[in-house]
Structures are given as C-alpha cells and as structure tokens.
Amino acid sequence: MLKSMKIKIIETSEEEVVKMKNNGVAIDEKTFLSFKDNERVNSKLESLGFEVLKPDLSILTRGGGGPKCSCFPLERDEV
C-alpha cells in the first residue's frame, strides 16, 4: 500500500530494529529526529532530502525507548 502511494521505504535490519534504530519522529515534512549513532538510516534520510536532527539519545535506549517514545505525554486527561 505504501509503495502504491509513492512513499519511500527505508529497510532496516533485525539488528537495527533490536537497537531501536527505526524509532524516530517526523517533526514536519522535511525534518526528522533520530539517534546520533543511527548513521546508515540517517544517511539514507539525508539522501532523500531530510534534515536529520541527531542528538545523543543513548540514555533513552537504556530503558528501551527512543525519540518516538520521548514524545508520549507524561500525564493524560481523563476520558
């Protein structure tokens, strides 16, 4: 379905998935928040025209998280 919508897919290896390298956040149409040490995926994103923000987020991976996980609300409104 994504290919039919002309959405580019960046394949990641099993090792990259385990290391949370596919855990990122699109800030807007051309800006992406990723891990500093995610060199292969960051390079691919940059070759597609994205500005990739690459802070050192290694402390997040210690608890099993990443950039996307850091965007979840800490407190939620009651339903």
PDB file of N, CA and C in Angstrom:
ATOM      1  N   MET A   1       0.816  -1.182   0.000  1.00  0.00           N
ATOM      2  CA  MET A   1       0.000   0.000   0.000  1.00  0.00           C
ATOM      3  C   MET A   1       0.872   1.262   0.000  1.00  0.00           C
ATOM      4  N   LEU A   2       1.916   1.279   0.843  1.00  0.00           N
ATOM      5  CA  LEU A   2       2.773   2.462   0.917  1.00  0.00           C
ATOM      6  C   LEU A   2       3.477   2.730  -0.415  1.00  0.00           C
ATOM      7  N   LYS A   3       3.957   1.653  -1.047  1.00  0.00           N
ATOM      8  CA  LYS A   3       4.625   1.813  -2.338  1.00  0.00           C
ATOM      9  C   LYS A   3       3.666   2.373  -3.380  1.00  0.00           C
ATOM     10  N   SER A   4       2.401   1.950  -3.348  1.00  0.00           N
ATOM     11  CA  SER A   4       1.415   2.464  -4.301  1.00  0.00           C
ATOM     12  C   SER A   4       1.138   3.942  -4.073  1.00  0.00           C
ATOM     13  N   MET A   5       1.401   4.427  -2.855  1.00  0.00           N
ATOM     14  CA  MET A   5       1.231   5.850  -2.534  1.00  0.00           C
ATOM     15  C   MET A   5       2.527   6.630  -2.776  1.00  0.00           C
ATOM     16  N   LYS A   6       3.535   5.941  -3.359  1.00  0.00           N
ATOM     17  CA  LYS A   6       4.850   6.525  -3.652  1.00  0.00           C
ATOM     18  C   LYS A   6       5.578   7.008  -2.392  1.00  0.00           C
ATOM     19  N   ILE A   7       5.385   6.267  -1.312  1.00  0.00           N
ATOM     20  CA  ILE A   7       6.081   6.545  -0.061  1.00  0.00           C
ATOM     21  C   ILE A   7       7.347   5.699  -0.049  1.00  0.00           C
ATOM     22  N   LYS A   8       8.489   6.364   0.144  1.00  0.00           N
ATOM     23  CA  LYS A   8       9.774   5.667   0.176  1.00  0.00           C
ATOM     24  C   LYS A   8       9.882   4.848   1.464  1.00  0.00           C
ATOM     25  N   ILE A   9      10.392   3.658   1.328  1.00  0.00           N
ATOM     26  CA  ILE A   9      10.575   2.774   2.470  1.00  0.00           C
ATOM     27  C   ILE A   9      12.068   2.560   2.694  1.00  0.00           C
ATOM     28  N   ILE A  10      12.512   2.794   3.923  1.00  0.00           N
ATOM     29  CA  ILE A  10      13.901   2.535   4.287  1.00  0.00           C
ATOM     30  C   ILE A  10      13.902   1.227   5.075  1.00  0.00           C
ATOM     31  N   GLU A  11      14.474   0.207   4.472  1.00  0.00           N
ATOM     32  CA  GLU A  11      14.543  -1.110   5.118  1.00  0.00           C
ATOM     33  C   GLU A  11      15.554  -1.052   6.264  1.00  0.00           C
ATOM     34  N   THR A  12      15.234  -1.743   7.365  1.00  0.00           N
ATOM     35  CA  THR A  12      16.169  -1.848   8.475  1.00  0.00           C
ATOM     36  C   THR A  12      16.400  -3.321   8.785  1.00  0.00           C
ATOM     37  N   SER A  13      17.599  -3.605   9.242  1.00  0.00           N
ATOM     38  CA  SER A  13      17.952  -4.987   9.574  1.00  0.00           C
ATOM     39  C   SER A  13      17.349  -5.363  10.926  1.00  0.00           C
ATOM     40  N   GLU A  14      17.349  -6.644  11.213  1.00  0.00           N
ATOM     41  CA  GLU A  14      16.856  -7.116  12.516  1.00  0.00           C
ATOM     42  C   GLU A  14      17.672  -6.486  13.646  1.00  0.00           C
ATOM     43  N   GLU A  15      18.984  -6.384  13.445  1.00  0.00           N
ATOM     44  CA  GLU A  15      19.851  -5.774  14.465  1.00  0.00           C
ATOM     45  C   GLU A  15      19.487  -4.308  14.696  1.00  0.00           C
ATOM     46  N   GLU A  16      19.201  -3.580  13.602  1.00  0.00           N
ATOM     47  CA  GLU A  16      18.811  -2.172  13.745  1.00  0.00           C
ATOM     48  C   GLU A  16      17.472  -2.046  14.479  1.00  0.00           C
ATOM     49  N   VAL A  17      16.570  -2.970  14.221  1.00  0.00           N
ATOM     50  CA  VAL A  17      15.274  -2.946  14.910  1.00  0.00           C
ATOM     51  C   VAL A  17      15.468  -3.202  16.402  1.00  0.00           C
ATOM     52  N   VAL A  18      16.269  -4.202  16.737  1.00  0.00           N
ATOM     53  CA  VAL A  18      16.528  -4.532  18.143  1.00  0.00           C
ATOM     54  C   VAL A  18      17.176  -3.350  18.861  1.00  0.00           C
ATOM     55  N   LYS A  19      18.030  -2.610  18.159  1.00  0.00           N
ATOM     56  CA  LYS A  19      18.710  -1.456  18.754  1.00  0.00           C
ATOM     57  C   LYS A  19      17.889  -0.172  18.633  1.00  0.00           C
ATOM     58  N   MET A  20      16.600  -0.301  18.249  1.00  0.00           N
ATOM     59  CA  MET A  20      15.652   0.822  18.181  1.00  0.00           C
ATOM     60  C   MET A  20      16.003   1.863  17.113  1.00  0.00           C
ATOM     61  N   LYS A  21      16.768   1.482  16.087  1.00  0.00           N
ATOM     62  CA  LYS A  21      17.197   2.436  15.065  1.00  0.00           C
ATOM     63  C   LYS A  21      16.037   2.922  14.184  1.00  0.00           C
ATOM     64  N   ASN A  22      14.920   2.213  14.212  1.00  0.00           N
ATOM     65  CA  ASN A  22      13.767   2.656  13.438  1.00  0.00           C
ATOM     66  C   ASN A  22      12.819   3.504  14.283  1.00  0.00           C
ATOM     67  N   ASN A  23      13.216   3.836  15.495  1.00  0.00           N
ATOM     68  CA  ASN A  23      12.410   4.626  16.409  1.00  0.00           C
ATOM     69  C   ASN A  23      12.801   6.086  16.234  1.00  0.00           C
ATOM     70  N   GLY A  24      12.055   6.806  15.415  1.00  0.00           N
ATOM     71  CA  GLY A  24      12.320   8.206  15.153  1.00  0.00           C
ATOM     72  C   GLY A  24      11.021   8.982  15.068  1.00  0.00           C
ATOM     73  N   VAL A  25      11.142  10.299  14.856  1.00  0.00           N
ATOM     74  CA  VAL A  25       9.962  11.159  14.815  1.00  0.00           C
ATOM     75  C   VAL A  25      10.082  12.130  13.654  1.00  0.00           C
ATOM     76  N   ALA A  26       9.048  12.178  12.830  1.00  0.00           N
ATOM     77  CA  ALA A  26       8.965  13.205  11.791  1.00  0.00           C
ATOM     78  C   ALA A  26       8.468  14.481  12.461  1.00  0.00           C
ATOM     79  N   ILE A  27       9.288  15.523  12.436  1.00  0.00           N
ATOM     80  CA  ILE A  27       8.921  16.799  13.044  1.00  0.00           C
ATOM     81  C   ILE A  27       7.989  17.565  12.103  1.00  0.00           C
ATOM     82  N   ASP A  28       8.324  17.541  10.832  1.00  0.00           N
ATOM     83  CA  ASP A  28       7.483  18.117   9.781  1.00  0.00           C
ATOM     84  C   ASP A  28       7.808  17.381   8.485  1.00  0.00           C
ATOM     85  N   GLU A  29       7.421  17.937   7.348  1.00  0.00           N
ATOM     86  CA  GLU A  29       7.598  17.244   6.071  1.00  0.00           C
ATOM     87  C   GLU A  29       9.054  16.986   5.700  1.00  0.00           C
ATOM     88  N   LYS A  30       9.976  17.759   6.249  1.00  0.00           N
ATOM     89  CA  LYS A  30      11.387  17.622   5.854  1.00  0.00           C
ATOM     90  C   LYS A  30      12.365  17.554   7.021  1.00  0.00           C
ATOM     91  N   THR A  31      11.870  17.362   8.247  1.00  0.00           N
ATOM     92  CA  THR A  31      12.744  17.316   9.419  1.00  0.00           C
ATOM     93  C   THR A  31      12.437  16.056  10.214  1.00  0.00           C
ATOM     94  N   PHE A  32      13.497  15.343  10.594  1.00  0.00           N
ATOM     95  CA  PHE A  32      13.336  14.065  11.276  1.00  0.00           C
ATOM     96  C   PHE A  32      14.250  14.024  12.490  1.00  0.00           C
ATOM     97  N   LEU A  33      13.730  13.557  13.621  1.00  0.00           N
ATOM     98  CA  LEU A  33      14.511  13.387  14.845  1.00  0.00           C
ATOM     99  C   LEU A  33      14.932  11.927  14.945  1.00  0.00           C
ATOM    100  N   SER A  34      16.229  11.695  15.069  1.00  0.00           N
ATOM    101  CA  SER A  34      16.770  10.342  15.070  1.00  0.00           C
ATOM    102  C   SER A  34      17.851  10.228  16.133  1.00  0.00           C
ATOM    103  N   PHE A  35      18.473   9.066  16.222  1.00  0.00           N
ATOM    104  CA  PHE A  35      19.622   8.857  17.104  1.00  0.00           C
ATOM    105  C   PHE A  35      20.901   9.358  16.430  1.00  0.00           C
ATOM    106  N   LYS A  36      21.796   9.911  17.216  1.00  0.00           N
ATOM    107  CA  LYS A  36      23.091  10.369  16.707  1.00  0.00           C
ATOM    108  C   LYS A  36      23.878   9.223  16.058  1.00  0.00           C
ATOM    109  N   ASP A  37      23.823   8.037  16.644  1.00  0.00           N
ATOM    110  CA  ASP A  37      24.621   6.921  16.134  1.00  0.00           C
ATOM    111  C   ASP A  37      23.879   6.054  15.110  1.00  0.00           C
ATOM    112  N   ASN A  38      22.783   6.548  14.587  1.00  0.00           N
ATOM    113  CA  ASN A  38      21.995   5.819  13.590  1.00  0.00           C
ATOM    114  C   ASN A  38      22.477   6.207  12.184  1.00  0.00           C
ATOM    115  N   GLU A  39      23.752   6.013  11.937  1.00  0.00           N
ATOM    116  CA  GLU A  39      24.420   6.568  10.754  1.00  0.00           C
ATOM    117  C   GLU A  39      23.829   6.092   9.430  1.00  0.00           C
ATOM    118  N   ARG A  40      23.546   4.824   9.283  1.00  0.00           N
ATOM    119  CA  ARG A  40      23.053   4.316   7.992  1.00  0.00           C
ATOM    120  C   ARG A  40      21.676   4.882   7.655  1.00  0.00           C
ATOM    121  N   VAL A  41      20.756   4.812   8.598  1.00  0.00           N
ATOM    122  CA  VAL A  41      19.401   5.318   8.348  1.00  0.00           C
ATOM    123  C   VAL A  41      19.421   6.841   8.207  1.00  0.00           C
ATOM    124  N   ASN A  42      20.193   7.529   9.042  1.00  0.00           N
ATOM    125  CA  ASN A  42      20.290   8.993   8.936  1.00  0.00           C
ATOM    126  C   ASN A  42      20.820   9.402   7.572  1.00  0.00           C
ATOM    127  N   SER A  43      21.828   8.708   7.097  1.00  0.00           N
ATOM    128  CA  SER A  43      22.403   8.998   5.784  1.00  0.00           C
ATOM    129  C   SER A  43      21.359   8.806   4.681  1.00  0.00           C
ATOM    130  N   LYS A  44      20.584   7.744   4.779  1.00  0.00           N
ATOM    131  CA  LYS A  44      19.541   7.484   3.785  1.00  0.00           C
ATOM    132  C   LYS A  44      18.483   8.585   3.823  1.00  0.00           C
ATOM    133  N   LEU A  45      18.071   8.993   5.019  1.00  0.00           N
ATOM    134  CA  LEU A  45      17.094  10.076   5.145  1.00  0.00           C
ATOM    135  C   LEU A  45      17.637  11.369   4.534  1.00  0.00           C
ATOM    136  N   GLU A  46      18.898  11.679   4.815  1.00  0.00           N
ATOM    137  CA  GLU A  46      19.518  12.891   4.257  1.00  0.00           C
ATOM    138  C   GLU A  46      19.595  12.821   2.738  1.00  0.00           C
ATOM    139  N   SER A  47      19.857  11.637   2.187  1.00  0.00           N
ATOM    140  CA  SER A  47      19.920  11.498   0.726  1.00  0.00           C
ATOM    141  C   SER A  47      18.535  11.707   0.093  1.00  0.00           C
ATOM    142  N   LEU A  48      17.488  11.540   0.886  1.00  0.00           N
ATOM    143  CA  LEU A  48      16.124  11.785   0.409  1.00  0.00           C
ATOM    144  C   LEU A  48      15.685  13.233   0.637  1.00  0.00           C
ATOM    145  N   GLY A  49      16.603  14.064   1.164  1.00  0.00           N
ATOM    146  CA  GLY A  49      16.318  15.485   1.323  1.00  0.00           C
ATOM    147  C   GLY A  49      15.857  15.909   2.707  1.00  0.00           C
ATOM    148  N   PHE A  50      15.916  15.003   3.683  1.00  0.00           N
ATOM    149  CA  PHE A  50      15.505  15.363   5.037  1.00  0.00           C
ATOM    150  C   PHE A  50      16.637  16.035   5.796  1.00  0.00           C
ATOM    151  N   GLU A  51      16.278  16.978   6.657  1.00  0.00           N
ATOM    152  CA  GLU A  51      17.216  17.478   7.660  1.00  0.00           C
ATOM    153  C   GLU A  51      17.042  16.532   8.843  1.00  0.00           C
ATOM    154  N   VAL A  52      18.122  15.897   9.279  1.00  0.00           N
ATOM    155  CA  VAL A  52      18.030  14.927  10.363  1.00  0.00           C
ATOM    156  C   VAL A  52      18.669  15.525  11.613  1.00  0.00           C
ATOM    157  N   LEU A  53      17.855  15.683  12.648  1.00  0.00           N
ATOM    158  CA  LEU A  53      18.350  16.142  13.941  1.00  0.00           C
ATOM    159  C   LEU A  53      18.873  14.920  14.665  1.00  0.00           C
ATOM    160  N   LYS A  54      20.140  14.996  15.145  1.00  0.00           N
ATOM    161  CA  LYS A  54      20.816  13.805  15.669  1.00  0.00           C
ATOM    162  C   LYS A  54      21.410  14.038  17.059  1.00  0.00           C
ATOM    163  N   PRO A  55      20.580  14.287  18.063  1.00  0.00           N
ATOM    164  CA  PRO A  55      21.148  14.434  19.408  1.00  0.00           C
ATOM    165  C   PRO A  55      21.576  13.079  19.973  1.00  0.00           C
ATOM    166  N   ASP A  56      22.390  13.120  21.005  1.00  0.00           N
ATOM    167  CA  ASP A  56      22.800  11.887  21.688  1.00  0.00           C
ATOM    168  C   ASP A  56      21.640  11.456  22.598  1.00  0.00           C
ATOM    169  N   LEU A  57      20.927  10.445  22.183  1.00  0.00           N
ATOM    170  CA  LEU A  57      19.774   9.950  22.933  1.00  0.00           C
ATOM    171  C   LEU A  57      20.048   8.578  23.540  1.00  0.00           C
ATOM    172  N   SER A  58      21.321   8.238  23.707  1.00  0.00           N
ATOM    173  CA  SER A  58      21.683   6.901  24.174  1.00  0.00           C
ATOM    174  C   SER A  58      21.082   6.576  25.540  1.00  0.00           C
ATOM    175  N   ILE A  59      20.829   7.584  26.355  1.00  0.00           N
ATOM    176  CA  ILE A  59      20.247   7.313  27.669  1.00  0.00           C
ATOM    177  C   ILE A  59      18.833   6.745  27.543  1.00  0.00           C
ATOM    178  N   LEU A  60      18.131   7.092  26.449  1.00  0.00           N
ATOM    179  CA  LEU A  60      16.774   6.577  26.251  1.00  0.00           C
ATOM    180  C   LEU A  60      16.767   5.085  25.954  1.00  0.00           C
ATOM    181  N   THR A  61      17.780   4.619  25.230  1.00  0.00           N
ATOM    182  CA  THR A  61      17.792   3.199  24.856  1.00  0.00           C
ATOM    183  C   THR A  61      18.045   2.296  26.060  1.00  0.00           C
ATOM    184  N   ARG A  62      18.598   2.830  27.106  1.00  0.00           N
ATOM    185  CA  ARG A  62      18.833   2.014  28.311  1.00  0.00           C
ATOM    186  C   ARG A  62      17.513   1.481  28.873  1.00  0.00           C
ATOM    187  N   GLY A  63      16.459   2.263  28.721  1.00  0.00           N
ATOM    188  CA  GLY A  63      15.152   1.838  29.214  1.00  0.00           C
ATOM    189  C   GLY A  63      14.278   1.262  28.116  1.00  0.00           C
ATOM    190  N   GLY A  64      14.837   1.085  26.918  1.00  0.00           N
ATOM    191  CA  GLY A  64      14.084   0.503  25.816  1.00  0.00           C
ATOM    192  C   GLY A  64      13.286   1.512  25.021  1.00  0.00           C
ATOM    193  N   GLY A  65      13.670   2.768  25.057  1.00  0.00           N
ATOM    194  CA  GLY A  65      12.930   3.801  24.329  1.00  0.00           C
ATOM    195  C   GLY A  65      13.755   4.455  23.252  1.00  0.00           C
ATOM    196  N   GLY A  66      13.171   5.448  22.636  1.00  0.00           N
ATOM    197  CA  GLY A  66      13.833   6.190  21.578  1.00  0.00           C
ATOM    198  C   GLY A  66      13.147   7.522  21.366  1.00  0.00           C
ATOM    199  N   PRO A  67      13.448   8.214  20.254  1.00  0.00           N
ATOM    200  CA  PRO A  67      12.855   9.527  20.002  1.00  0.00           C
ATOM    201  C   PRO A  67      11.322   9.524  20.017  1.00  0.00           C
ATOM    202  N   LYS A  68      10.718   8.545  19.385  1.00  0.00           N
ATOM    203  CA  LYS A  68       9.248   8.497  19.355  1.00  0.00           C
ATOM    204  C   LYS A  68       8.698   8.315  20.765  1.00  0.00           C
ATOM    205  N   CYS A  69       9.334   7.450  21.522  1.00  0.00           N
ATOM    206  CA  CYS A  69       8.873   7.191  22.888  1.00  0.00           C
ATOM    207  C   CYS A  69       8.961   8.445  23.757  1.00  0.00           C
ATOM    208  N   SER A  70       9.903   9.318  23.477  1.00  0.00           N
ATOM    209  CA  SER A  70      10.073  10.525  24.287  1.00  0.00           C
ATOM    210  C   SER A  70       8.987  11.561  24.006  1.00  0.00           C
ATOM    211  N   CYS A  71       8.162  11.329  23.001  1.00  0.00           N
ATOM    212  CA  CYS A  71       7.086  12.269  22.653  1.00  0.00           C
ATOM    213  C   CYS A  71       5.753  11.916  23.296  1.00  0.00           C
ATOM    214  N   PHE A  72       5.686  10.776  23.969  1.00  0.00           N
ATOM    215  CA  PHE A  72       4.441  10.386  24.610  1.00  0.00           C
ATOM    216  C   PHE A  72       4.175  11.293  25.810  1.00  0.00           C
ATOM    217  N   PRO A  73       2.920  11.632  26.046  1.00  0.00           N
ATOM    218  CA  PRO A  73       2.611  12.507  27.204  1.00  0.00           C
ATOM    219  C   PRO A  73       2.898  11.800  28.524  1.00  0.00           C
ATOM    220  N   LEU A  74       3.376  12.561  29.483  1.00  0.00           N
ATOM    221  CA  LEU A  74       3.625  12.008  30.804  1.00  0.00           C
ATOM    222  C   LEU A  74       2.358  11.955  31.630  1.00  0.00           C
ATOM    223  N   GLU A  75       1.431  12.841  31.309  1.00  0.00           N
ATOM    224  CA  GLU A  75       0.159  12.885  32.014  1.00  0.00           C
ATOM    225  C   GLU A  75      -0.939  12.993  30.965  1.00  0.00           C
ATOM    226  N   ARG A  76      -2.011  12.267  31.157  1.00  0.00           N
ATOM    227  CA  ARG A  76      -3.106  12.265  30.192  1.00  0.00           C
ATOM    228  C   ARG A  76      -4.381  12.771  30.846  1.00  0.00           C
ATOM    229  N   ASP A  77      -5.224  13.409  30.034  1.00  0.00           N
ATOM    230  CA  ASP A  77      -6.528  13.842  30.508  1.00  0.00           C
ATOM    231  C   ASP A  77      -7.410  12.617  30.736  1.00  0.00           C
ATOM    232  N   GLU A  78      -8.279  12.678  31.722  1.00  0.00           N
ATOM    233  CA  GLU A  78      -9.218  11.587  31.958  1.00  0.00           C
ATOM    234  C   GLU A  78     -10.209  11.526  30.805  1.00  0.00           C
ATOM    235  N   VAL A  79     -10.628  10.324  30.469  1.00  0.00           N
ATOM    236  CA  VAL A  79     -11.603  10.123  29.398  1.00  0.00           C
ATOM    237  C   VAL A  79     -12.988  10.167  29.966  1.00  0.00           C
TER     238      VAL A  79
END
